N, C-alpha and C. Protein backbone atom coordinates (compact mmCIF):
# COMPACT_ATOMS: atom_id res chain seq x y z
N UNK A 1 87.62 88.25 101.03
CA UNK A 1 86.75 89.14 101.77
C UNK A 1 87.28 90.60 101.60
N UNK A 2 86.32 91.51 101.41
CA UNK A 2 86.78 92.90 101.20
C UNK A 2 87.18 93.56 102.48
N UNK A 3 87.90 94.64 102.32
CA UNK A 3 88.38 95.40 103.52
C UNK A 3 87.22 95.89 104.36
N UNK A 4 86.18 96.36 103.62
CA UNK A 4 85.01 96.89 104.47
C UNK A 4 84.37 95.81 105.29
N UNK A 5 84.32 94.55 104.74
CA UNK A 5 83.74 93.48 105.53
C UNK A 5 84.64 93.11 106.71
N UNK A 6 85.94 93.15 106.49
CA UNK A 6 86.88 92.87 107.58
C UNK A 6 86.75 94.03 108.62
N UNK A 7 86.70 95.20 108.22
CA UNK A 7 86.48 96.39 109.17
C UNK A 7 85.19 96.16 109.97
N UNK A 8 84.17 95.66 109.34
CA UNK A 8 82.89 95.45 110.10
C UNK A 8 83.09 94.37 111.16
N UNK A 9 83.77 93.32 110.79
CA UNK A 9 84.10 92.24 111.77
C UNK A 9 84.91 92.80 112.95
N UNK A 10 85.83 93.67 112.71
CA UNK A 10 86.61 94.34 113.80
C UNK A 10 85.69 95.13 114.63
N UNK A 11 84.87 95.92 113.97
CA UNK A 11 83.95 96.83 114.66
C UNK A 11 83.04 96.08 115.69
N UNK A 12 82.51 94.93 115.25
CA UNK A 12 81.56 94.22 116.04
C UNK A 12 82.24 93.23 117.03
N UNK A 13 83.61 93.24 117.01
CA UNK A 13 84.33 92.40 117.90
C UNK A 13 84.52 90.94 117.49
N UNK A 14 84.27 90.63 116.29
CA UNK A 14 84.39 89.25 115.82
C UNK A 14 85.78 88.94 115.21
N UNK A 15 86.54 89.99 115.09
CA UNK A 15 87.91 89.84 114.53
C UNK A 15 88.75 90.89 115.25
N UNK A 16 89.98 90.52 115.67
CA UNK A 16 90.87 91.52 116.24
C UNK A 16 91.76 92.06 115.14
N UNK A 17 91.97 93.32 115.18
CA UNK A 17 92.79 94.03 114.19
C UNK A 17 94.27 93.84 114.65
N UNK A 18 95.02 93.36 113.69
CA UNK A 18 96.46 93.02 113.97
C UNK A 18 97.25 94.32 113.88
N UNK A 19 98.00 94.56 114.91
CA UNK A 19 98.86 95.72 114.91
C UNK A 19 100.22 95.44 114.15
N UNK A 20 100.63 96.43 113.38
CA UNK A 20 101.83 96.26 112.62
C UNK A 20 103.06 96.46 113.43
N UNK A 21 104.16 96.02 112.86
CA UNK A 21 105.45 96.17 113.49
C UNK A 21 106.12 97.37 112.94
N UNK A 22 107.16 97.87 113.67
CA UNK A 22 107.89 98.99 113.20
C UNK A 22 108.58 98.69 111.83
N UNK A 23 109.03 97.51 111.60
CA UNK A 23 109.59 97.16 110.27
C UNK A 23 108.63 97.21 109.17
N UNK A 24 107.41 96.78 109.39
CA UNK A 24 106.33 96.82 108.43
C UNK A 24 105.97 98.25 108.17
N UNK A 25 105.92 99.14 109.19
CA UNK A 25 105.58 100.57 109.00
C UNK A 25 106.66 101.25 108.16
N UNK A 26 107.91 100.93 108.50
CA UNK A 26 109.07 101.50 107.74
C UNK A 26 108.94 101.10 106.27
N UNK A 27 108.57 99.89 106.00
CA UNK A 27 108.37 99.38 104.67
C UNK A 27 107.30 100.11 103.93
N UNK A 28 106.27 100.42 104.61
CA UNK A 28 105.10 101.17 104.05
C UNK A 28 105.57 102.61 103.74
N UNK A 29 106.15 103.23 104.66
CA UNK A 29 106.65 104.65 104.44
C UNK A 29 107.64 104.66 103.30
N UNK A 30 108.64 103.72 103.25
CA UNK A 30 109.70 103.74 102.22
C UNK A 30 109.11 103.30 100.89
N UNK A 31 107.90 102.86 100.87
CA UNK A 31 107.31 102.46 99.57
C UNK A 31 106.68 103.71 98.80
N UNK A 32 106.75 104.86 99.44
CA UNK A 32 106.22 106.00 98.80
C UNK A 32 107.01 106.33 97.53
N UNK A 33 106.41 106.89 96.59
CA UNK A 33 107.09 107.06 95.25
C UNK A 33 108.22 108.09 95.33
N UNK A 34 109.10 108.00 94.44
CA UNK A 34 110.28 108.85 94.41
C UNK A 34 110.03 110.32 94.31
N UNK A 35 108.95 110.70 93.61
CA UNK A 35 108.61 112.12 93.55
C UNK A 35 108.21 112.74 94.91
N UNK A 36 107.51 111.88 95.76
CA UNK A 36 107.24 112.35 97.05
C UNK A 36 108.47 112.57 97.94
N UNK A 37 109.41 111.68 97.81
CA UNK A 37 110.63 111.77 98.57
C UNK A 37 111.47 112.99 98.02
N UNK A 38 111.46 113.24 96.79
CA UNK A 38 112.25 114.45 96.22
C UNK A 38 111.61 115.72 96.75
N UNK A 39 110.28 115.80 96.84
CA UNK A 39 109.59 116.99 97.48
C UNK A 39 110.06 117.18 98.91
N UNK A 40 110.01 116.05 99.68
CA UNK A 40 110.38 116.15 101.05
C UNK A 40 111.83 116.58 101.19
N UNK A 41 112.71 116.02 100.38
CA UNK A 41 114.17 116.32 100.48
C UNK A 41 114.43 117.81 100.06
N UNK A 42 113.70 118.35 99.10
CA UNK A 42 113.84 119.75 98.63
C UNK A 42 113.33 120.68 99.75
N UNK A 43 112.29 120.36 100.40
CA UNK A 43 111.74 121.15 101.42
C UNK A 43 112.71 121.16 102.70
N UNK A 44 113.30 120.04 102.87
CA UNK A 44 114.32 119.93 104.01
C UNK A 44 115.57 120.78 103.64
N UNK A 45 115.97 120.72 102.44
CA UNK A 45 117.04 121.58 102.00
C UNK A 45 116.73 123.06 102.19
N UNK A 46 115.54 123.48 101.72
CA UNK A 46 115.17 124.92 101.96
C UNK A 46 115.07 125.28 103.40
N UNK A 47 114.69 124.36 104.25
CA UNK A 47 114.65 124.65 105.68
C UNK A 47 116.03 124.80 106.26
N UNK A 48 116.95 123.99 105.85
CA UNK A 48 118.35 124.04 106.29
C UNK A 48 118.95 125.48 105.87
N UNK A 49 118.70 125.80 104.64
CA UNK A 49 119.29 127.06 104.09
C UNK A 49 118.76 128.22 104.94
N UNK A 50 117.44 128.21 105.18
CA UNK A 50 116.81 129.25 105.93
C UNK A 50 117.40 129.34 107.38
N UNK A 51 117.55 128.12 107.99
CA UNK A 51 118.02 128.06 109.37
C UNK A 51 119.53 128.40 109.50
N UNK A 52 120.37 127.86 108.65
CA UNK A 52 121.77 127.96 108.83
C UNK A 52 122.43 129.10 108.07
N UNK A 53 121.82 129.54 107.04
CA UNK A 53 122.39 130.63 106.18
C UNK A 53 121.51 131.88 106.28
N UNK A 54 120.36 131.81 106.89
CA UNK A 54 119.55 132.99 107.14
C UNK A 54 118.88 133.52 105.89
N UNK A 55 118.82 132.60 104.87
CA UNK A 55 118.08 133.03 103.57
C UNK A 55 116.89 132.27 103.41
N UNK A 56 115.75 132.94 103.45
CA UNK A 56 114.43 132.32 103.27
C UNK A 56 113.82 132.78 101.96
N UNK A 57 113.58 131.82 101.09
CA UNK A 57 112.95 132.11 99.79
C UNK A 57 111.71 131.27 99.73
N UNK A 58 110.54 131.98 99.70
CA UNK A 58 109.25 131.31 99.64
C UNK A 58 109.02 130.76 98.28
N UNK A 59 108.71 129.51 98.09
CA UNK A 59 108.51 128.94 96.82
C UNK A 59 107.01 128.34 96.91
N UNK A 60 106.00 129.02 96.34
CA UNK A 60 104.67 128.64 96.45
C UNK A 60 104.45 127.18 95.87
N UNK A 61 105.02 126.88 94.81
CA UNK A 61 104.95 125.53 94.23
C UNK A 61 105.43 124.53 95.15
N UNK A 62 106.57 124.72 95.73
CA UNK A 62 107.21 123.76 96.69
C UNK A 62 106.23 123.54 97.90
N UNK A 63 105.65 124.69 98.38
CA UNK A 63 104.72 124.57 99.47
C UNK A 63 103.51 123.74 99.12
N UNK A 64 102.94 123.99 97.90
CA UNK A 64 101.81 123.16 97.47
C UNK A 64 102.26 121.69 97.38
N UNK A 65 103.43 121.40 96.79
CA UNK A 65 103.92 120.07 96.61
C UNK A 65 104.14 119.43 98.03
N UNK A 66 104.65 120.18 98.92
CA UNK A 66 104.95 119.62 100.26
C UNK A 66 103.71 119.28 101.02
N UNK A 67 102.67 120.09 100.91
CA UNK A 67 101.40 119.78 101.45
C UNK A 67 100.86 118.50 100.93
N UNK A 68 100.86 118.29 99.61
CA UNK A 68 100.44 117.05 98.95
C UNK A 68 101.28 115.84 99.44
N UNK A 69 102.64 116.04 99.58
CA UNK A 69 103.50 114.99 99.99
C UNK A 69 103.13 114.60 101.43
N UNK A 70 102.96 115.60 102.21
CA UNK A 70 102.63 115.36 103.63
C UNK A 70 101.24 114.61 103.76
N UNK A 71 100.35 114.90 102.96
CA UNK A 71 99.08 114.19 102.95
C UNK A 71 99.25 112.76 102.50
N UNK A 72 100.14 112.44 101.57
CA UNK A 72 100.36 111.07 101.23
C UNK A 72 101.00 110.27 102.35
N UNK A 73 101.99 110.90 103.03
CA UNK A 73 102.66 110.28 104.10
C UNK A 73 101.67 109.99 105.21
N UNK A 74 100.87 111.01 105.56
CA UNK A 74 99.87 110.89 106.67
C UNK A 74 98.86 109.77 106.30
N UNK A 75 98.36 109.71 105.07
CA UNK A 75 97.38 108.74 104.63
C UNK A 75 97.95 107.34 104.74
N UNK A 76 99.24 107.15 104.36
CA UNK A 76 99.87 105.89 104.45
C UNK A 76 100.08 105.44 105.94
N UNK A 77 100.37 106.38 106.74
CA UNK A 77 100.58 106.02 108.18
C UNK A 77 99.26 105.71 108.85
N UNK A 78 98.25 106.49 108.53
CA UNK A 78 96.90 106.22 109.16
C UNK A 78 96.36 104.91 108.68
N UNK A 79 96.53 104.62 107.38
CA UNK A 79 96.03 103.34 106.90
C UNK A 79 96.69 102.18 107.48
N UNK A 80 97.91 102.33 107.89
CA UNK A 80 98.64 101.21 108.50
C UNK A 80 98.16 100.89 109.87
N UNK A 81 97.80 101.91 110.67
CA UNK A 81 97.23 101.69 111.97
C UNK A 81 98.36 101.77 113.03
N UNK A 82 98.14 101.31 114.23
CA UNK A 82 99.09 101.42 115.30
C UNK A 82 100.32 100.57 115.03
N UNK A 83 101.45 100.98 115.59
CA UNK A 83 102.75 100.25 115.42
C UNK A 83 103.16 99.68 116.71
N UNK A 84 103.53 98.41 116.72
CA UNK A 84 104.05 97.79 117.93
C UNK A 84 105.55 98.06 118.13
N UNK A 85 106.02 98.21 119.38
CA UNK A 85 107.40 98.29 119.66
C UNK A 85 108.06 96.94 119.42
N UNK A 86 109.21 96.89 118.78
CA UNK A 86 109.84 95.61 118.57
C UNK A 86 110.80 95.28 119.63
């Protein structure tokens, strides 16, 4: 059965949507590709330099890549749905 058919069953109340666990959510997030994590790490490094050393260097390419990485993380999290406390 396709995802859209399952979504329709959830919408009309014929099927309950299963909520994921924190461990499943972590697995989804950690399944992001290495290039996405490199961008996030580089942006974090730039943030720390700006905060702790007072040196802020604006890198337009990094900003563009960071926005794209954030969209990937957001899409993955939204697609997963709510997370249950374990």
